[in-house]
Amino acid sequence: MITVVAAVIERSDRRLLIGQRRRNDTSPLKWEFPGGKVRRGESPETALERELQEELGVMLVKSTEIGRVRHRYAETSDELEIRFFVAAIAETDLVPRTFERITWVLPKELGDYDFLAANRELIAQLATGRIKPAEILEGPQETGAS
């Protein structure tokens, strides 16, 4: 099984960052949340940090896992486990290094975009307000050594 991480990044105006896959990628021009495959020996959190740096040139400040989905796309025999995180980043200027384009959309507008199939359930929860990324990041933090 291949583990993939994806970041739900919300701006102060409640808009979420989404990226459109390049024309020559698998699932060309489909929309997705930034992220990618977890490498051997890498934690999901470390992978998320690396992927955001590689894809957008940004630094991850904080993240919290909000869900997991298992999915198998028709064009591959590999099963994916996609781990979704709400994430806060330091930068406001983003560089879409691996995307055709990126945009910020309101949660209710997510349904207007042609997303990868594995994102459907998360899209529905975000669009209906059942998942509120900013509230999750501001919520009670785990206690421990800091």
N, C-alpha and C. Protein backbone atom coordinates (compact mmCIF):
# COMPACT_ATOMS: atom_id res chain seq x y z
N MET A 1 0.84 -1.18 0.00
CA MET A 1 0.00 0.00 0.00
C MET A 1 0.89 1.24 0.00
N ILE A 2 0.45 2.25 -0.72
CA ILE A 2 1.17 3.51 -0.81
C ILE A 2 0.46 4.53 0.08
N THR A 3 1.21 5.18 0.96
CA THR A 3 0.64 6.22 1.82
C THR A 3 0.89 7.58 1.18
N VAL A 4 -0.17 8.37 1.12
CA VAL A 4 -0.12 9.71 0.54
C VAL A 4 -0.63 10.69 1.59
N VAL A 5 -0.02 11.87 1.64
CA VAL A 5 -0.49 12.92 2.54
C VAL A 5 -1.04 14.07 1.70
N ALA A 6 -2.04 14.75 2.25
CA ALA A 6 -2.64 15.90 1.56
C ALA A 6 -2.98 16.97 2.59
N ALA A 7 -2.73 18.23 2.21
CA ALA A 7 -2.92 19.36 3.14
C ALA A 7 -4.13 20.20 2.75
N VAL A 8 -4.99 20.43 3.74
CA VAL A 8 -6.10 21.37 3.59
C VAL A 8 -5.63 22.65 4.27
N ILE A 9 -5.34 23.65 3.43
CA ILE A 9 -4.80 24.92 3.93
C ILE A 9 -5.87 25.99 3.77
N GLU A 10 -6.21 26.64 4.90
CA GLU A 10 -7.27 27.66 4.88
C GLU A 10 -6.67 29.02 5.19
N ARG A 11 -7.03 30.02 4.38
CA ARG A 11 -6.62 31.40 4.64
C ARG A 11 -7.56 32.05 5.63
N SER A 12 -7.21 33.24 6.09
CA SER A 12 -8.06 33.95 7.06
C SER A 12 -9.43 34.30 6.50
N ASP A 13 -9.57 34.36 5.16
CA ASP A 13 -10.88 34.65 4.56
C ASP A 13 -11.69 33.37 4.32
N ARG A 14 -11.26 32.27 4.92
CA ARG A 14 -11.91 30.95 4.86
C ARG A 14 -11.71 30.22 3.55
N ARG A 15 -10.98 30.81 2.60
CA ARG A 15 -10.73 30.13 1.32
C ARG A 15 -9.68 29.03 1.49
N LEU A 16 -9.88 27.94 0.74
CA LEU A 16 -9.00 26.78 0.80
C LEU A 16 -8.14 26.72 -0.45
N LEU A 17 -6.91 26.26 -0.28
CA LEU A 17 -5.98 26.14 -1.40
C LEU A 17 -6.18 24.81 -2.12
N ILE A 18 -6.36 24.88 -3.44
CA ILE A 18 -6.42 23.67 -4.26
C ILE A 18 -5.49 23.84 -5.46
N GLY A 19 -5.02 22.72 -5.96
CA GLY A 19 -4.11 22.75 -7.10
C GLY A 19 -4.63 21.86 -8.22
N GLN A 20 -4.34 22.28 -9.44
CA GLN A 20 -4.74 21.50 -10.61
C GLN A 20 -3.53 20.74 -11.14
N ARG A 21 -3.69 19.42 -11.31
CA ARG A 21 -2.59 18.59 -11.81
C ARG A 21 -2.21 19.02 -13.22
N ARG A 22 -0.97 18.82 -13.56
CA ARG A 22 -0.48 19.18 -14.89
C ARG A 22 -1.07 18.27 -15.97
N ARG A 23 -1.06 18.75 -17.19
CA ARG A 23 -1.61 18.02 -18.34
C ARG A 23 -0.95 16.67 -18.56
N ASN A 24 0.34 16.55 -18.23
CA ASN A 24 1.06 15.29 -18.49
C ASN A 24 1.13 14.38 -17.27
N ASP A 25 0.46 14.75 -16.17
CA ASP A 25 0.40 13.90 -14.97
C ASP A 25 -0.64 12.81 -15.15
N THR A 26 -0.60 11.82 -14.25
CA THR A 26 -1.73 10.89 -14.18
C THR A 26 -2.93 11.71 -13.74
N SER A 27 -4.12 11.34 -14.15
CA SER A 27 -5.34 12.13 -13.87
C SER A 27 -5.13 13.59 -14.25
N PRO A 28 -4.79 13.86 -15.52
CA PRO A 28 -4.46 15.22 -15.94
C PRO A 28 -5.58 16.22 -15.69
N LEU A 29 -5.18 17.40 -15.21
CA LEU A 29 -6.04 18.56 -14.98
C LEU A 29 -7.10 18.36 -13.89
N LYS A 30 -7.02 17.26 -13.16
CA LYS A 30 -7.91 17.07 -12.01
C LYS A 30 -7.40 17.96 -10.87
N TRP A 31 -8.31 18.34 -9.98
CA TRP A 31 -7.96 19.18 -8.84
C TRP A 31 -7.70 18.30 -7.62
N GLU A 32 -6.84 18.81 -6.73
CA GLU A 32 -6.48 18.07 -5.52
C GLU A 32 -5.96 19.06 -4.48
N PHE A 33 -5.78 18.54 -3.28
CA PHE A 33 -5.12 19.31 -2.23
C PHE A 33 -3.62 19.02 -2.35
N PRO A 34 -2.77 19.98 -2.02
CA PRO A 34 -1.32 19.75 -2.13
C PRO A 34 -0.87 18.60 -1.24
N GLY A 35 0.13 17.87 -1.71
CA GLY A 35 0.67 16.76 -0.96
C GLY A 35 1.31 15.75 -1.88
N GLY A 36 1.58 14.56 -1.36
CA GLY A 36 2.21 13.53 -2.18
C GLY A 36 2.55 12.30 -1.37
N LYS A 37 3.33 11.43 -1.99
CA LYS A 37 3.67 10.14 -1.40
C LYS A 37 4.64 10.28 -0.23
N VAL A 38 4.40 9.44 0.78
CA VAL A 38 5.31 9.33 1.91
C VAL A 38 6.43 8.38 1.49
N ARG A 39 7.66 8.83 1.68
CA ARG A 39 8.82 8.01 1.32
C ARG A 39 9.13 7.01 2.42
N ARG A 40 9.85 5.95 2.04
CA ARG A 40 10.25 4.91 3.00
C ARG A 40 11.04 5.56 4.15
N GLY A 41 10.66 5.24 5.39
CA GLY A 41 11.35 5.76 6.56
C GLY A 41 10.94 7.18 6.95
N GLU A 42 9.96 7.73 6.28
CA GLU A 42 9.53 9.10 6.53
C GLU A 42 8.18 9.08 7.26
N SER A 43 8.00 9.95 8.25
CA SER A 43 6.70 10.03 8.90
C SER A 43 5.75 10.81 8.00
N PRO A 44 4.44 10.61 8.15
CA PRO A 44 3.49 11.39 7.34
C PRO A 44 3.67 12.90 7.54
N GLU A 45 3.95 13.31 8.77
CA GLU A 45 4.12 14.74 9.05
C GLU A 45 5.35 15.30 8.33
N THR A 46 6.44 14.53 8.32
CA THR A 46 7.65 14.95 7.62
C THR A 46 7.40 15.00 6.11
N ALA A 47 6.67 14.02 5.61
CA ALA A 47 6.33 13.99 4.17
C ALA A 47 5.49 15.21 3.80
N LEU A 48 4.55 15.56 4.66
CA LEU A 48 3.70 16.72 4.40
C LEU A 48 4.56 17.99 4.33
N GLU A 49 5.46 18.13 5.27
CA GLU A 49 6.35 19.28 5.30
C GLU A 49 7.20 19.34 4.02
N ARG A 50 7.77 18.21 3.61
CA ARG A 50 8.60 18.14 2.40
C ARG A 50 7.78 18.45 1.15
N GLU A 51 6.62 17.84 1.05
CA GLU A 51 5.78 18.03 -0.14
C GLU A 51 5.33 19.49 -0.29
N LEU A 52 4.97 20.14 0.80
CA LEU A 52 4.55 21.55 0.71
C LEU A 52 5.71 22.44 0.27
N GLN A 53 6.91 22.11 0.74
CA GLN A 53 8.10 22.86 0.32
C GLN A 53 8.36 22.63 -1.18
N GLU A 54 8.29 21.36 -1.61
CA GLU A 54 8.56 21.03 -3.01
C GLU A 54 7.50 21.59 -3.95
N GLU A 55 6.23 21.48 -3.58
CA GLU A 55 5.14 21.85 -4.48
C GLU A 55 4.83 23.34 -4.49
N LEU A 56 5.01 24.01 -3.34
CA LEU A 56 4.56 25.40 -3.22
C LEU A 56 5.62 26.36 -2.70
N GLY A 57 6.75 25.82 -2.26
CA GLY A 57 7.80 26.67 -1.71
C GLY A 57 7.43 27.28 -0.37
N VAL A 58 6.65 26.56 0.44
CA VAL A 58 6.20 27.09 1.73
C VAL A 58 6.67 26.20 2.88
N MET A 59 6.66 26.80 4.07
CA MET A 59 7.06 26.08 5.28
C MET A 59 5.82 25.76 6.11
N LEU A 60 5.70 24.51 6.48
CA LEU A 60 4.60 24.06 7.33
C LEU A 60 4.83 24.56 8.75
N VAL A 61 3.82 25.19 9.33
CA VAL A 61 3.91 25.70 10.70
C VAL A 61 3.28 24.70 11.68
N LYS A 62 2.12 24.16 11.30
CA LYS A 62 1.36 23.29 12.19
C LYS A 62 0.45 22.43 11.35
N SER A 63 0.18 21.21 11.80
CA SER A 63 -0.77 20.35 11.09
C SER A 63 -1.44 19.39 12.06
N THR A 64 -2.64 18.98 11.71
CA THR A 64 -3.41 18.01 12.47
C THR A 64 -4.11 17.08 11.49
N GLU A 65 -3.97 15.79 11.71
CA GLU A 65 -4.65 14.84 10.81
C GLU A 65 -6.15 14.88 11.05
N ILE A 66 -6.91 14.91 9.95
CA ILE A 66 -8.38 14.99 10.06
C ILE A 66 -9.09 13.80 9.45
N GLY A 67 -8.37 12.91 8.80
CA GLY A 67 -9.04 11.75 8.24
C GLY A 67 -8.15 10.95 7.32
N ARG A 68 -8.62 9.71 7.05
CA ARG A 68 -7.90 8.81 6.15
C ARG A 68 -8.90 8.15 5.21
N VAL A 69 -8.45 7.95 4.00
CA VAL A 69 -9.29 7.29 3.00
C VAL A 69 -8.43 6.26 2.29
N ARG A 70 -8.99 5.09 2.05
CA ARG A 70 -8.30 4.10 1.20
C ARG A 70 -8.97 4.14 -0.16
N HIS A 71 -8.13 4.15 -1.20
CA HIS A 71 -8.68 4.27 -2.55
C HIS A 71 -7.78 3.54 -3.54
N ARG A 72 -8.42 2.98 -4.56
CA ARG A 72 -7.68 2.34 -5.65
C ARG A 72 -8.21 2.94 -6.96
N TYR A 73 -7.33 3.60 -7.69
CA TYR A 73 -7.72 4.17 -8.99
C TYR A 73 -7.68 3.08 -10.05
N ALA A 74 -8.56 3.16 -11.01
CA ALA A 74 -8.69 2.15 -12.06
C ALA A 74 -7.39 1.94 -12.84
N GLU A 75 -6.64 3.02 -13.06
CA GLU A 75 -5.44 2.92 -13.90
C GLU A 75 -4.23 2.31 -13.20
N THR A 76 -4.36 1.96 -11.92
CA THR A 76 -3.23 1.38 -11.19
C THR A 76 -3.72 0.25 -10.30
N SER A 77 -2.84 -0.67 -9.99
CA SER A 77 -3.22 -1.76 -9.10
C SER A 77 -2.88 -1.43 -7.65
N ASP A 78 -2.21 -0.31 -7.44
CA ASP A 78 -1.80 0.06 -6.09
C ASP A 78 -2.97 0.63 -5.29
N GLU A 79 -3.07 0.18 -4.03
CA GLU A 79 -4.04 0.79 -3.13
C GLU A 79 -3.36 1.93 -2.41
N LEU A 80 -4.06 3.05 -2.30
CA LEU A 80 -3.54 4.22 -1.62
C LEU A 80 -4.24 4.39 -0.28
N GLU A 81 -3.49 4.81 0.71
CA GLU A 81 -4.08 5.32 1.93
C GLU A 81 -3.75 6.81 1.94
N ILE A 82 -4.78 7.63 1.82
CA ILE A 82 -4.57 9.07 1.79
C ILE A 82 -4.89 9.61 3.18
N ARG A 83 -3.91 10.30 3.74
CA ARG A 83 -4.06 10.89 5.07
C ARG A 83 -4.19 12.39 4.89
N PHE A 84 -5.34 12.91 5.27
CA PHE A 84 -5.63 14.34 5.11
C PHE A 84 -5.28 15.08 6.40
N PHE A 85 -4.65 16.22 6.24
CA PHE A 85 -4.26 17.07 7.36
C PHE A 85 -4.79 18.49 7.13
N VAL A 86 -5.24 19.15 8.20
CA VAL A 86 -5.40 20.60 8.10
C VAL A 86 -4.02 21.14 8.43
N ALA A 87 -3.62 22.18 7.69
CA ALA A 87 -2.26 22.66 7.82
C ALA A 87 -2.21 24.17 7.80
N ALA A 88 -1.29 24.72 8.59
CA ALA A 88 -1.03 26.16 8.58
C ALA A 88 0.37 26.34 7.99
N ILE A 89 0.50 27.35 7.13
CA ILE A 89 1.79 27.64 6.51
C ILE A 89 2.22 29.06 6.87
N ALA A 90 3.52 29.31 6.76
CA ALA A 90 4.06 30.61 7.14
C ALA A 90 3.88 31.65 6.04
N GLU A 91 4.01 31.24 4.79
CA GLU A 91 4.04 32.18 3.68
C GLU A 91 2.65 32.52 3.14
N THR A 92 2.56 33.70 2.53
CA THR A 92 1.34 34.06 1.81
C THR A 92 1.57 34.03 0.31
N ASP A 93 2.83 34.12 -0.10
CA ASP A 93 3.16 34.03 -1.53
C ASP A 93 3.50 32.58 -1.86
N LEU A 94 2.73 31.98 -2.75
CA LEU A 94 2.92 30.58 -3.10
C LEU A 94 3.44 30.47 -4.52
N VAL A 95 4.27 29.48 -4.76
CA VAL A 95 4.82 29.22 -6.08
C VAL A 95 4.33 27.84 -6.51
N PRO A 96 3.42 27.78 -7.50
CA PRO A 96 2.87 26.47 -7.92
C PRO A 96 3.88 25.68 -8.76
N ARG A 97 4.87 25.09 -8.10
CA ARG A 97 5.96 24.41 -8.79
C ARG A 97 5.54 23.15 -9.52
N THR A 98 4.56 22.44 -9.01
CA THR A 98 4.18 21.15 -9.61
C THR A 98 2.75 21.13 -10.10
N PHE A 99 2.09 22.26 -10.09
CA PHE A 99 0.69 22.33 -10.52
C PHE A 99 0.56 23.13 -11.81
N GLU A 100 -0.45 22.79 -12.58
CA GLU A 100 -0.82 23.60 -13.74
C GLU A 100 -1.18 25.00 -13.24
N ARG A 101 -2.01 25.02 -12.18
CA ARG A 101 -2.35 26.28 -11.51
C ARG A 101 -2.89 25.97 -10.13
N ILE A 102 -2.90 27.00 -9.28
CA ILE A 102 -3.48 26.88 -7.94
C ILE A 102 -4.51 28.01 -7.78
N THR A 103 -5.45 27.80 -6.88
CA THR A 103 -6.44 28.83 -6.61
C THR A 103 -6.96 28.66 -5.19
N TRP A 104 -7.54 29.73 -4.66
CA TRP A 104 -8.17 29.72 -3.34
C TRP A 104 -9.67 29.78 -3.54
N VAL A 105 -10.40 28.84 -2.95
CA VAL A 105 -11.85 28.78 -3.13
C VAL A 105 -12.55 28.65 -1.79
N LEU A 106 -13.78 29.15 -1.74
CA LEU A 106 -14.60 28.95 -0.54
C LEU A 106 -15.02 27.48 -0.47
N PRO A 107 -15.20 26.95 0.73
CA PRO A 107 -15.60 25.54 0.85
C PRO A 107 -16.82 25.18 0.00
N LYS A 108 -17.81 26.07 -0.06
CA LYS A 108 -19.03 25.78 -0.83
C LYS A 108 -18.77 25.73 -2.33
N GLU A 109 -17.62 26.25 -2.79
CA GLU A 109 -17.28 26.24 -4.22
C GLU A 109 -16.51 25.00 -4.64
N LEU A 110 -16.10 24.17 -3.68
CA LEU A 110 -15.29 23.00 -4.01
C LEU A 110 -15.97 22.07 -5.02
N GLY A 111 -17.28 21.95 -4.92
CA GLY A 111 -18.03 21.08 -5.82
C GLY A 111 -18.00 21.54 -7.27
N ASP A 112 -17.57 22.77 -7.52
CA ASP A 112 -17.49 23.29 -8.89
C ASP A 112 -16.23 22.82 -9.61
N TYR A 113 -15.34 22.13 -8.90
CA TYR A 113 -14.07 21.70 -9.47
C TYR A 113 -14.05 20.18 -9.62
N ASP A 114 -13.35 19.71 -10.66
CA ASP A 114 -13.25 18.28 -10.97
C ASP A 114 -12.10 17.67 -10.17
N PHE A 115 -12.42 17.21 -8.95
CA PHE A 115 -11.41 16.66 -8.04
C PHE A 115 -11.15 15.19 -8.31
N LEU A 116 -10.00 14.72 -7.84
CA LEU A 116 -9.70 13.29 -7.83
C LEU A 116 -10.75 12.59 -6.98
N ALA A 117 -11.12 11.39 -7.38
CA ALA A 117 -12.21 10.66 -6.73
C ALA A 117 -11.99 10.45 -5.24
N ALA A 118 -10.77 10.22 -4.82
CA ALA A 118 -10.49 9.93 -3.41
C ALA A 118 -10.78 11.12 -2.50
N ASN A 119 -10.95 12.30 -3.07
CA ASN A 119 -11.21 13.50 -2.28
C ASN A 119 -12.70 13.75 -2.02
N ARG A 120 -13.59 12.97 -2.61
CA ARG A 120 -15.03 13.26 -2.59
C ARG A 120 -15.62 13.44 -1.19
N GLU A 121 -15.32 12.50 -0.30
CA GLU A 121 -15.91 12.56 1.04
C GLU A 121 -15.42 13.80 1.79
N LEU A 122 -14.12 14.08 1.70
CA LEU A 122 -13.57 15.25 2.37
C LEU A 122 -14.18 16.53 1.79
N ILE A 123 -14.32 16.59 0.48
CA ILE A 123 -14.91 17.76 -0.19
C ILE A 123 -16.32 18.00 0.37
N ALA A 124 -17.10 16.94 0.49
CA ALA A 124 -18.47 17.07 1.01
C ALA A 124 -18.46 17.60 2.44
N GLN A 125 -17.55 17.10 3.27
CA GLN A 125 -17.49 17.54 4.66
C GLN A 125 -17.04 19.00 4.77
N LEU A 126 -16.10 19.40 3.92
CA LEU A 126 -15.66 20.80 3.93
C LEU A 126 -16.76 21.72 3.40
N ALA A 127 -17.40 21.31 2.31
CA ALA A 127 -18.41 22.15 1.66
C ALA A 127 -19.62 22.39 2.57
N THR A 128 -19.95 21.40 3.39
CA THR A 128 -21.12 21.53 4.27
C THR A 128 -20.76 22.10 5.65
N GLY A 129 -19.47 22.36 5.88
CA GLY A 129 -19.06 22.93 7.15
C GLY A 129 -18.89 21.93 8.28
N ARG A 130 -18.98 20.62 7.98
CA ARG A 130 -18.77 19.62 9.03
C ARG A 130 -17.31 19.59 9.46
N ILE A 131 -16.41 19.96 8.55
CA ILE A 131 -15.00 20.11 8.90
C ILE A 131 -14.65 21.58 8.70
N LYS A 132 -14.14 22.21 9.76
CA LYS A 132 -13.73 23.62 9.72
C LYS A 132 -12.24 23.67 10.05
N PRO A 133 -11.40 23.76 9.01
CA PRO A 133 -9.95 23.67 9.23
C PRO A 133 -9.40 24.63 10.29
N ALA A 134 -9.76 25.89 10.25
CA ALA A 134 -9.20 26.86 11.20
C ALA A 134 -9.55 26.48 12.64
N GLU A 135 -10.78 26.03 12.86
CA GLU A 135 -11.20 25.65 14.22
C GLU A 135 -10.42 24.44 14.72
N ILE A 136 -10.12 23.51 13.81
CA ILE A 136 -9.36 22.32 14.20
C ILE A 136 -7.95 22.72 14.63
N LEU A 137 -7.31 23.59 13.86
CA LEU A 137 -5.95 24.03 14.20
C LEU A 137 -5.91 24.85 15.47
N GLU A 138 -6.99 25.59 15.77
CA GLU A 138 -7.02 26.41 16.97
C GLU A 138 -7.51 25.63 18.19
N GLY A 139 -8.00 24.42 17.97
CA GLY A 139 -8.59 23.64 19.04
C GLY A 139 -7.59 23.23 20.10
N PRO A 140 -8.05 22.47 21.10
CA PRO A 140 -7.16 22.06 22.19
C PRO A 140 -6.00 21.24 21.63
N GLN A 141 -4.81 21.60 22.05
CA GLN A 141 -3.62 20.90 21.59
C GLN A 141 -3.31 19.75 22.53
N GLU A 142 -2.65 18.73 21.99
CA GLU A 142 -2.23 17.61 22.82
C GLU A 142 -1.20 18.11 23.84
N THR A 143 -1.31 17.58 25.05
CA THR A 143 -0.33 17.99 26.05
C THR A 143 0.90 17.12 25.95
N GLY A 144 1.99 17.66 26.36
CA GLY A 144 3.24 16.92 26.29
C GLY A 144 4.39 17.88 26.44
N ALA A 145 5.57 17.37 26.34
CA ALA A 145 6.76 18.23 26.46
C ALA A 145 6.81 19.19 25.29
N SER A 146 7.04 20.46 25.58
CA SER A 146 7.16 21.43 24.51
C SER A 146 8.49 22.14 24.61
